[in-house]
């Protein structure tokens, strides 16, 4: 334990069935992070966005919308090489999730990203994926993922806890 660390029990209930004596090494850090932590409701909404974007077809559609700014369904379908039916289905999901918006002009419907945050979210994700691709190309071990002999998720956790 670090010299400046203290221990504190932050959860202690009377009922032995619900008892959780968690010893905290850095209680001030825990309190500070808890004060800034997103609420459970916000985390649910954030996860819902990622769930919708977890579909590769939807990611491509949103990326195409970001590049185009605004585009009709038939042109969007031609751009991504998918059927209008499939594109319309995915656009309904994206619109219901607040990621894109639609504008009707006569018989045509034009779609665009809902706001600049959508473009930022996809660009940051693209950079992150590209960073992972570059790191994997530079290090064959990284491409294979963690294993008992290589630091990975478990090794990172172990390093943080020491």
N, C-alpha and C. Protein backbone atom coordinates (compact mmCIF):
# COMPACT_ATOMS: atom_id res chain seq x y z
N UNK A 1 0.86 -1.18 0.00
CA UNK A 1 0.00 0.00 0.00
C UNK A 1 0.89 1.23 0.00
N UNK A 2 0.58 2.27 -0.82
CA UNK A 2 1.38 3.48 -0.84
C UNK A 2 1.41 4.15 0.54
N UNK A 3 2.51 4.85 0.81
CA UNK A 3 2.69 5.48 2.12
C UNK A 3 1.60 6.50 2.43
N UNK A 4 1.12 7.23 1.42
CA UNK A 4 0.11 8.26 1.66
C UNK A 4 -1.31 7.72 1.64
N UNK A 5 -1.48 6.43 1.44
CA UNK A 5 -2.81 5.84 1.35
C UNK A 5 -3.40 5.61 2.73
N UNK A 6 -4.71 5.70 2.78
CA UNK A 6 -5.45 5.37 3.99
C UNK A 6 -6.48 4.33 3.61
N UNK A 7 -7.01 3.67 4.60
CA UNK A 7 -8.08 2.72 4.31
C UNK A 7 -9.34 3.20 4.99
N UNK A 8 -10.43 2.96 4.33
CA UNK A 8 -11.72 3.40 4.85
C UNK A 8 -12.78 2.46 4.34
N UNK A 9 -13.69 2.07 5.24
CA UNK A 9 -14.82 1.24 4.83
C UNK A 9 -15.90 2.19 4.36
N UNK A 10 -16.32 2.04 3.09
CA UNK A 10 -17.31 2.97 2.56
C UNK A 10 -18.69 2.34 2.45
N UNK A 11 -18.81 1.08 2.75
CA UNK A 11 -20.11 0.42 2.67
C UNK A 11 -20.18 -0.63 3.77
N UNK A 12 -21.08 -0.45 4.71
CA UNK A 12 -21.21 -1.42 5.78
C UNK A 12 -22.67 -1.41 6.22
N UNK A 13 -23.38 -2.47 5.84
CA UNK A 13 -24.80 -2.56 6.18
C UNK A 13 -24.97 -3.51 7.35
N UNK A 14 -26.05 -3.33 8.07
CA UNK A 14 -26.31 -4.17 9.23
C UNK A 14 -26.64 -5.61 8.87
N UNK A 15 -27.35 -5.80 7.80
CA UNK A 15 -27.77 -7.13 7.39
C UNK A 15 -26.58 -7.88 6.78
N UNK A 16 -26.21 -9.02 7.37
CA UNK A 16 -25.06 -9.77 6.89
C UNK A 16 -25.21 -10.21 5.44
N UNK A 17 -26.45 -10.40 4.97
CA UNK A 17 -26.65 -10.82 3.59
C UNK A 17 -26.30 -9.70 2.61
N UNK A 18 -26.45 -8.46 3.03
CA UNK A 18 -26.15 -7.32 2.17
C UNK A 18 -24.84 -6.65 2.55
N UNK A 19 -24.04 -7.31 3.32
CA UNK A 19 -22.82 -6.70 3.83
C UNK A 19 -21.75 -6.63 2.73
N UNK A 20 -21.14 -5.48 2.60
CA UNK A 20 -20.04 -5.33 1.66
C UNK A 20 -18.99 -4.42 2.29
N UNK A 21 -18.07 -5.01 2.97
CA UNK A 21 -16.98 -4.25 3.58
C UNK A 21 -15.91 -4.04 2.52
N UNK A 22 -16.01 -2.93 1.85
CA UNK A 22 -15.06 -2.61 0.80
C UNK A 22 -14.04 -1.64 1.38
N UNK A 23 -12.80 -2.03 1.36
CA UNK A 23 -11.75 -1.15 1.85
C UNK A 23 -11.25 -0.33 0.67
N UNK A 24 -11.21 0.97 0.86
CA UNK A 24 -10.79 1.89 -0.18
C UNK A 24 -9.41 2.42 0.18
N UNK A 25 -8.50 2.35 -0.77
CA UNK A 25 -7.13 2.81 -0.53
C UNK A 25 -7.04 4.32 -0.61
N UNK A 26 -7.72 4.93 -1.57
CA UNK A 26 -7.67 6.39 -1.77
C UNK A 26 -9.08 6.96 -1.70
N UNK A 27 -9.63 7.15 -0.50
CA UNK A 27 -11.03 7.58 -0.37
C UNK A 27 -11.33 8.94 -1.00
N UNK A 28 -10.38 9.87 -0.97
CA UNK A 28 -10.64 11.18 -1.58
C UNK A 28 -10.77 11.05 -3.09
N UNK A 29 -9.97 10.20 -3.69
CA UNK A 29 -10.08 9.98 -5.13
C UNK A 29 -11.42 9.35 -5.46
N UNK A 30 -11.83 8.38 -4.65
CA UNK A 30 -13.12 7.72 -4.87
C UNK A 30 -14.25 8.73 -4.78
N UNK A 31 -14.22 9.58 -3.76
CA UNK A 31 -15.27 10.61 -3.61
C UNK A 31 -15.27 11.58 -4.79
N UNK A 32 -14.09 12.01 -5.22
CA UNK A 32 -14.00 12.96 -6.33
C UNK A 32 -14.55 12.35 -7.61
N UNK A 33 -14.20 11.10 -7.89
CA UNK A 33 -14.69 10.46 -9.11
C UNK A 33 -16.19 10.23 -9.02
N UNK A 34 -16.67 9.79 -7.86
CA UNK A 34 -18.11 9.60 -7.68
C UNK A 34 -18.88 10.89 -7.92
N UNK A 35 -18.31 12.01 -7.51
CA UNK A 35 -19.00 13.30 -7.69
C UNK A 35 -19.14 13.66 -9.16
N UNK A 36 -18.20 13.20 -10.00
CA UNK A 36 -18.24 13.53 -11.44
C UNK A 36 -18.77 12.40 -12.30
N UNK A 37 -19.02 11.25 -11.73
CA UNK A 37 -19.45 10.08 -12.47
C UNK A 37 -20.83 10.30 -13.09
N UNK A 38 -21.01 9.81 -14.31
CA UNK A 38 -22.32 9.92 -14.96
C UNK A 38 -23.34 9.12 -14.17
N UNK A 39 -24.57 9.56 -14.20
CA UNK A 39 -25.63 8.84 -13.51
C UNK A 39 -25.94 7.55 -14.25
N UNK A 40 -26.62 6.66 -13.59
CA UNK A 40 -27.02 5.40 -14.22
C UNK A 40 -27.91 5.67 -15.43
N UNK A 41 -28.79 6.66 -15.32
CA UNK A 41 -29.70 6.99 -16.43
C UNK A 41 -28.91 7.52 -17.63
N UNK A 42 -27.91 8.36 -17.39
CA UNK A 42 -27.09 8.87 -18.47
C UNK A 42 -26.27 7.75 -19.09
N UNK A 43 -25.75 6.85 -18.28
CA UNK A 43 -24.99 5.71 -18.80
C UNK A 43 -25.88 4.83 -19.69
N UNK A 44 -27.13 4.66 -19.30
CA UNK A 44 -28.08 3.89 -20.13
C UNK A 44 -28.25 4.54 -21.50
N UNK A 45 -28.42 5.86 -21.50
CA UNK A 45 -28.62 6.58 -22.76
C UNK A 45 -27.36 6.53 -23.63
N UNK A 46 -26.20 6.64 -22.99
CA UNK A 46 -24.94 6.54 -23.73
C UNK A 46 -24.79 5.16 -24.35
N UNK A 47 -25.09 4.13 -23.58
CA UNK A 47 -24.98 2.76 -24.07
C UNK A 47 -25.94 2.52 -25.23
N UNK A 48 -27.12 3.15 -25.17
CA UNK A 48 -28.10 2.99 -26.25
C UNK A 48 -27.56 3.54 -27.57
N UNK A 49 -26.83 4.65 -27.51
CA UNK A 49 -26.23 5.22 -28.72
C UNK A 49 -25.22 4.24 -29.30
N UNK A 50 -24.36 3.71 -28.44
CA UNK A 50 -23.35 2.76 -28.92
C UNK A 50 -23.99 1.47 -29.43
N UNK A 51 -25.10 1.08 -28.82
CA UNK A 51 -25.80 -0.12 -29.28
C UNK A 51 -26.31 0.07 -30.70
N UNK A 52 -26.88 1.23 -30.98
CA UNK A 52 -27.38 1.51 -32.33
C UNK A 52 -26.22 1.55 -33.32
N UNK A 53 -25.12 2.16 -32.92
CA UNK A 53 -23.96 2.28 -33.81
C UNK A 53 -23.14 0.99 -33.88
N UNK A 54 -23.50 -0.01 -33.10
CA UNK A 54 -22.76 -1.28 -33.12
C UNK A 54 -22.99 -2.05 -34.41
N UNK A 55 -23.95 -1.66 -35.20
CA UNK A 55 -24.23 -2.32 -36.47
C UNK A 55 -23.35 -1.68 -37.55
N UNK A 56 -22.51 -2.46 -38.22
CA UNK A 56 -21.61 -1.89 -39.24
C UNK A 56 -22.34 -1.15 -40.36
N UNK A 57 -23.51 -1.63 -40.76
CA UNK A 57 -24.27 -0.94 -41.81
C UNK A 57 -24.68 0.45 -41.35
N UNK A 58 -25.10 0.56 -40.11
CA UNK A 58 -25.50 1.88 -39.60
C UNK A 58 -24.29 2.81 -39.48
N UNK A 59 -23.15 2.27 -39.07
CA UNK A 59 -21.94 3.10 -39.01
C UNK A 59 -21.60 3.65 -40.39
N UNK A 60 -21.69 2.81 -41.42
CA UNK A 60 -21.40 3.27 -42.78
C UNK A 60 -22.41 4.32 -43.23
N UNK A 61 -23.68 4.10 -42.90
CA UNK A 61 -24.71 5.08 -43.28
C UNK A 61 -24.45 6.42 -42.62
N UNK A 62 -24.16 6.40 -41.33
CA UNK A 62 -23.89 7.65 -40.62
C UNK A 62 -22.65 8.32 -41.19
N UNK A 63 -21.61 7.54 -41.47
CA UNK A 63 -20.39 8.10 -42.07
C UNK A 63 -20.70 8.75 -43.42
N UNK A 64 -21.54 8.10 -44.22
CA UNK A 64 -21.92 8.66 -45.52
C UNK A 64 -22.72 9.94 -45.33
N UNK A 65 -23.62 9.96 -44.36
CA UNK A 65 -24.40 11.17 -44.09
C UNK A 65 -23.50 12.32 -43.65
N UNK A 66 -22.49 12.00 -42.86
CA UNK A 66 -21.56 13.04 -42.41
C UNK A 66 -20.81 13.61 -43.61
N UNK A 67 -20.37 12.74 -44.52
CA UNK A 67 -19.66 13.20 -45.72
C UNK A 67 -20.57 14.01 -46.63
N UNK A 68 -21.81 13.56 -46.78
CA UNK A 68 -22.75 14.21 -47.71
C UNK A 68 -23.38 15.46 -47.11
N UNK A 69 -23.55 15.47 -45.81
CA UNK A 69 -24.26 16.57 -45.16
C UNK A 69 -25.75 16.29 -45.15
N UNK A 70 -26.32 16.17 -46.33
CA UNK A 70 -27.73 15.80 -46.48
C UNK A 70 -27.85 15.05 -47.79
N UNK A 71 -28.62 13.98 -47.77
CA UNK A 71 -28.72 13.14 -48.98
C UNK A 71 -30.06 12.39 -48.94
N UNK A 72 -30.61 12.13 -50.11
CA UNK A 72 -31.88 11.39 -50.17
C UNK A 72 -31.61 9.90 -50.02
N UNK A 73 -32.64 9.16 -49.69
CA UNK A 73 -32.51 7.73 -49.42
C UNK A 73 -31.95 6.98 -50.63
N UNK A 74 -32.45 7.27 -51.82
CA UNK A 74 -31.98 6.53 -53.00
C UNK A 74 -30.50 6.80 -53.27
N UNK A 75 -30.05 8.03 -53.12
CA UNK A 75 -28.63 8.33 -53.32
C UNK A 75 -27.78 7.71 -52.21
N UNK A 76 -28.30 7.70 -51.00
CA UNK A 76 -27.58 7.09 -49.88
C UNK A 76 -27.43 5.59 -50.12
N UNK A 77 -28.49 4.94 -50.59
CA UNK A 77 -28.43 3.51 -50.89
C UNK A 77 -27.38 3.23 -51.97
N UNK A 78 -27.34 4.06 -53.00
CA UNK A 78 -26.34 3.89 -54.06
C UNK A 78 -24.93 4.13 -53.52
N UNK A 79 -24.79 5.07 -52.62
CA UNK A 79 -23.48 5.39 -52.04
C UNK A 79 -22.90 4.22 -51.26
N UNK A 80 -23.73 3.58 -50.44
CA UNK A 80 -23.22 2.49 -49.59
C UNK A 80 -23.39 1.11 -50.22
N UNK A 81 -24.04 1.06 -51.39
CA UNK A 81 -24.21 -0.22 -52.08
C UNK A 81 -25.19 -1.14 -51.39
N UNK A 82 -26.30 -0.59 -50.92
CA UNK A 82 -27.33 -1.38 -50.25
C UNK A 82 -28.67 -1.07 -50.88
N UNK A 83 -29.65 -1.90 -50.58
CA UNK A 83 -31.00 -1.67 -51.12
C UNK A 83 -31.65 -0.49 -50.40
N UNK A 84 -32.57 0.16 -51.10
CA UNK A 84 -33.30 1.27 -50.48
C UNK A 84 -34.08 0.78 -49.28
N UNK A 85 -34.62 -0.43 -49.35
CA UNK A 85 -35.38 -0.99 -48.24
C UNK A 85 -34.51 -1.14 -46.99
N UNK A 86 -33.31 -1.68 -47.18
CA UNK A 86 -32.39 -1.87 -46.06
C UNK A 86 -31.96 -0.52 -45.48
N UNK A 87 -31.64 0.41 -46.35
CA UNK A 87 -31.22 1.74 -45.91
C UNK A 87 -32.35 2.42 -45.15
N UNK A 88 -33.57 2.34 -45.66
CA UNK A 88 -34.72 2.95 -44.98
C UNK A 88 -34.93 2.35 -43.59
N UNK A 89 -34.79 1.03 -43.50
CA UNK A 89 -34.92 0.38 -42.19
C UNK A 89 -33.90 0.93 -41.20
N UNK A 90 -32.64 0.97 -41.60
CA UNK A 90 -31.58 1.46 -40.70
C UNK A 90 -31.78 2.94 -40.37
N UNK A 91 -32.23 3.72 -41.34
CA UNK A 91 -32.46 5.14 -41.08
C UNK A 91 -33.59 5.35 -40.07
N UNK A 92 -34.61 4.49 -40.10
CA UNK A 92 -35.68 4.59 -39.10
C UNK A 92 -35.11 4.38 -37.70
N UNK A 93 -34.23 3.39 -37.54
CA UNK A 93 -33.61 3.10 -36.25
C UNK A 93 -32.74 4.29 -35.82
N UNK A 94 -31.95 4.80 -36.74
CA UNK A 94 -31.07 5.94 -36.44
C UNK A 94 -31.88 7.18 -36.07
N UNK A 95 -32.97 7.40 -36.77
CA UNK A 95 -33.81 8.56 -36.48
C UNK A 95 -34.49 8.41 -35.12
N UNK A 96 -34.99 7.22 -34.81
CA UNK A 96 -35.64 6.97 -33.52
C UNK A 96 -34.66 7.16 -32.37
N UNK A 97 -33.39 6.96 -32.65
CA UNK A 97 -32.36 7.11 -31.62
C UNK A 97 -31.83 8.54 -31.54
N UNK A 98 -32.30 9.41 -32.41
CA UNK A 98 -31.88 10.80 -32.38
C UNK A 98 -30.52 11.04 -33.00
N UNK A 99 -30.05 10.12 -33.84
CA UNK A 99 -28.74 10.28 -34.46
C UNK A 99 -28.81 10.96 -35.83
N UNK A 100 -29.95 10.82 -36.50
CA UNK A 100 -30.14 11.50 -37.79
C UNK A 100 -31.51 12.17 -37.78
N UNK A 101 -31.67 13.10 -38.70
CA UNK A 101 -32.98 13.75 -38.86
C UNK A 101 -33.38 13.69 -40.33
N UNK A 102 -34.67 13.81 -40.55
CA UNK A 102 -35.21 13.70 -41.91
C UNK A 102 -35.92 14.98 -42.28
N UNK A 103 -35.88 15.29 -43.57
CA UNK A 103 -36.60 16.44 -44.11
C UNK A 103 -37.27 15.99 -45.40
N UNK A 104 -38.58 16.21 -45.46
CA UNK A 104 -39.33 15.81 -46.66
C UNK A 104 -39.43 17.00 -47.61
N UNK A 105 -39.20 16.70 -48.89
CA UNK A 105 -39.37 17.69 -49.94
C UNK A 105 -40.13 17.01 -51.07
N UNK A 106 -41.45 17.22 -51.10
CA UNK A 106 -42.29 16.53 -52.07
C UNK A 106 -42.33 15.05 -51.73
N UNK A 107 -41.96 14.22 -52.69
CA UNK A 107 -41.95 12.77 -52.45
C UNK A 107 -40.59 12.27 -51.96
N UNK A 108 -39.63 13.16 -51.91
CA UNK A 108 -38.27 12.78 -51.51
C UNK A 108 -38.07 13.06 -50.02
N UNK A 109 -37.30 12.17 -49.37
CA UNK A 109 -36.92 12.37 -47.98
C UNK A 109 -35.40 12.47 -47.93
N UNK A 110 -34.94 13.53 -47.32
CA UNK A 110 -33.51 13.78 -47.19
C UNK A 110 -33.10 13.58 -45.74
N UNK A 111 -31.96 12.91 -45.55
CA UNK A 111 -31.46 12.65 -44.20
C UNK A 111 -30.14 13.37 -43.99
N UNK A 112 -29.89 13.71 -42.73
CA UNK A 112 -28.62 14.34 -42.35
C UNK A 112 -28.34 13.97 -40.89
N UNK A 113 -27.08 14.13 -40.47
CA UNK A 113 -26.78 13.88 -39.05
C UNK A 113 -27.58 14.84 -38.18
N UNK A 114 -27.97 14.41 -37.00
CA UNK A 114 -28.79 15.26 -36.14
C UNK A 114 -28.05 16.50 -35.69
N UNK A 115 -26.78 16.36 -35.34
CA UNK A 115 -25.97 17.51 -34.96
C UNK A 115 -24.49 17.19 -35.10
N UNK A 116 -23.65 18.15 -34.79
CA UNK A 116 -22.21 18.00 -34.95
C UNK A 116 -21.63 16.93 -34.03
N UNK A 117 -22.30 16.65 -32.92
CA UNK A 117 -21.79 15.63 -31.99
C UNK A 117 -21.69 14.26 -32.66
N UNK A 118 -22.58 13.97 -33.58
CA UNK A 118 -22.57 12.68 -34.25
C UNK A 118 -21.28 12.56 -35.08
N UNK A 119 -20.94 13.61 -35.79
CA UNK A 119 -19.71 13.61 -36.57
C UNK A 119 -18.49 13.47 -35.66
N UNK A 120 -18.49 14.18 -34.55
CA UNK A 120 -17.37 14.10 -33.61
C UNK A 120 -17.24 12.69 -33.04
N UNK A 121 -18.37 12.08 -32.68
CA UNK A 121 -18.36 10.73 -32.13
C UNK A 121 -17.77 9.74 -33.13
N UNK A 122 -18.21 9.81 -34.38
CA UNK A 122 -17.69 8.89 -35.39
C UNK A 122 -16.22 9.17 -35.71
N UNK A 123 -15.84 10.43 -35.76
CA UNK A 123 -14.44 10.76 -36.07
C UNK A 123 -13.52 10.28 -34.96
N UNK A 124 -13.89 10.47 -33.72
CA UNK A 124 -13.08 10.00 -32.60
C UNK A 124 -12.98 8.47 -32.64
N UNK A 125 -14.09 7.82 -32.94
CA UNK A 125 -14.09 6.35 -33.04
C UNK A 125 -13.20 5.90 -34.18
N UNK A 126 -13.28 6.57 -35.32
CA UNK A 126 -12.44 6.22 -36.47
C UNK A 126 -10.96 6.40 -36.13
N UNK A 127 -10.62 7.49 -35.45
CA UNK A 127 -9.23 7.70 -35.03
C UNK A 127 -8.78 6.61 -34.07
N UNK A 128 -9.66 6.24 -33.14
CA UNK A 128 -9.31 5.19 -32.18
C UNK A 128 -9.07 3.86 -32.88
N UNK A 129 -9.94 3.51 -33.79
CA UNK A 129 -9.79 2.26 -34.53
C UNK A 129 -8.51 2.31 -35.37
N UNK A 130 -8.25 3.44 -36.00
CA UNK A 130 -7.03 3.59 -36.79
C UNK A 130 -5.78 3.49 -35.93
N UNK A 131 -5.85 4.04 -34.74
CA UNK A 131 -4.73 3.95 -33.80
C UNK A 131 -4.49 2.50 -33.44
N UNK A 132 -5.56 1.75 -33.20
CA UNK A 132 -5.43 0.33 -32.89
C UNK A 132 -4.88 -0.45 -34.06
N UNK A 133 -5.28 -0.08 -35.29
CA UNK A 133 -4.76 -0.75 -36.49
C UNK A 133 -3.27 -0.50 -36.64
N UNK A 134 -2.84 0.75 -36.40
CA UNK A 134 -1.42 1.08 -36.51
C UNK A 134 -0.61 0.36 -35.44
N UNK A 135 -1.12 0.30 -34.22
CA UNK A 135 -0.42 -0.38 -33.14
C UNK A 135 -0.35 -1.88 -33.41
N UNK A 136 -1.42 -2.45 -33.95
CA UNK A 136 -1.44 -3.89 -34.25
C UNK A 136 -0.45 -4.21 -35.37
N UNK A 137 -0.35 -3.33 -36.35
CA UNK A 137 0.59 -3.56 -37.44
C UNK A 137 2.03 -3.47 -36.94
N UNK A 138 2.28 -2.58 -35.99
CA UNK A 138 3.62 -2.40 -35.45
C UNK A 138 4.00 -3.51 -34.48
N UNK A 139 3.02 -4.11 -33.83
CA UNK A 139 3.29 -5.12 -32.81
C UNK A 139 2.40 -6.32 -33.04
N UNK A 140 2.94 -7.43 -33.55
CA UNK A 140 2.12 -8.63 -33.77
C UNK A 140 1.46 -9.12 -32.48
N UNK A 141 2.09 -8.91 -31.34
CA UNK A 141 1.50 -9.34 -30.06
C UNK A 141 0.19 -8.63 -29.80
N UNK A 142 0.11 -7.37 -30.16
CA UNK A 142 -1.10 -6.57 -29.91
C UNK A 142 -2.27 -7.10 -30.72
N UNK A 143 -2.00 -7.54 -31.93
CA UNK A 143 -3.07 -8.05 -32.79
C UNK A 143 -3.65 -9.34 -32.25
N UNK A 144 -2.84 -10.11 -31.50
CA UNK A 144 -3.31 -11.38 -30.97
C UNK A 144 -4.11 -11.21 -29.69
N UNK A 145 -4.03 -10.06 -29.06
CA UNK A 145 -4.77 -9.83 -27.82
C UNK A 145 -4.01 -10.35 -26.62
N UNK A 146 -4.58 -10.20 -25.42
CA UNK A 146 -3.90 -10.59 -24.20
C UNK A 146 -3.78 -12.10 -24.07
N UNK A 147 -2.73 -12.53 -23.44
CA UNK A 147 -2.56 -13.93 -23.10
C UNK A 147 -1.82 -13.99 -21.77
N UNK A 148 -1.75 -15.15 -21.16
CA UNK A 148 -1.10 -15.23 -19.85
C UNK A 148 0.33 -14.68 -19.84
N UNK A 149 1.05 -14.80 -20.94
CA UNK A 149 2.43 -14.32 -20.99
C UNK A 149 2.56 -12.87 -21.38
N UNK A 150 1.47 -12.24 -21.85
CA UNK A 150 1.52 -10.86 -22.31
C UNK A 150 0.59 -10.01 -21.46
N UNK A 151 0.99 -8.77 -21.15
CA UNK A 151 0.07 -7.90 -20.43
C UNK A 151 -1.13 -7.57 -21.31
N UNK A 152 -2.27 -7.61 -20.73
CA UNK A 152 -3.50 -7.25 -21.44
C UNK A 152 -4.44 -6.63 -20.44
N UNK A 153 -5.72 -6.90 -20.57
CA UNK A 153 -6.70 -6.33 -19.65
C UNK A 153 -6.40 -6.73 -18.22
N UNK A 154 -6.08 -8.02 -17.97
CA UNK A 154 -5.80 -8.46 -16.61
C UNK A 154 -4.51 -7.86 -16.09
N UNK A 155 -3.49 -7.79 -16.97
CA UNK A 155 -2.23 -7.20 -16.56
C UNK A 155 -2.38 -5.73 -16.24
N UNK A 156 -3.21 -5.03 -17.02
CA UNK A 156 -3.43 -3.61 -16.76
C UNK A 156 -4.12 -3.42 -15.42
N UNK A 157 -5.11 -4.28 -15.12
CA UNK A 157 -5.78 -4.18 -13.83
C UNK A 157 -4.81 -4.44 -12.71
N UNK A 158 -3.98 -5.46 -12.86
CA UNK A 158 -3.02 -5.80 -11.82
C UNK A 158 -2.04 -4.66 -11.60
N UNK A 159 -1.59 -4.01 -12.68
CA UNK A 159 -0.65 -2.91 -12.56
C UNK A 159 -1.29 -1.73 -11.83
N UNK A 160 -2.57 -1.47 -12.10
CA UNK A 160 -3.24 -0.34 -11.44
C UNK A 160 -3.45 -0.61 -9.96
N UNK A 161 -3.64 -1.86 -9.58
CA UNK A 161 -3.98 -2.15 -8.20
C UNK A 161 -2.75 -2.23 -7.31
N UNK A 162 -1.54 -2.19 -7.88
CA UNK A 162 -0.35 -2.26 -7.06
C UNK A 162 0.16 -0.89 -6.71
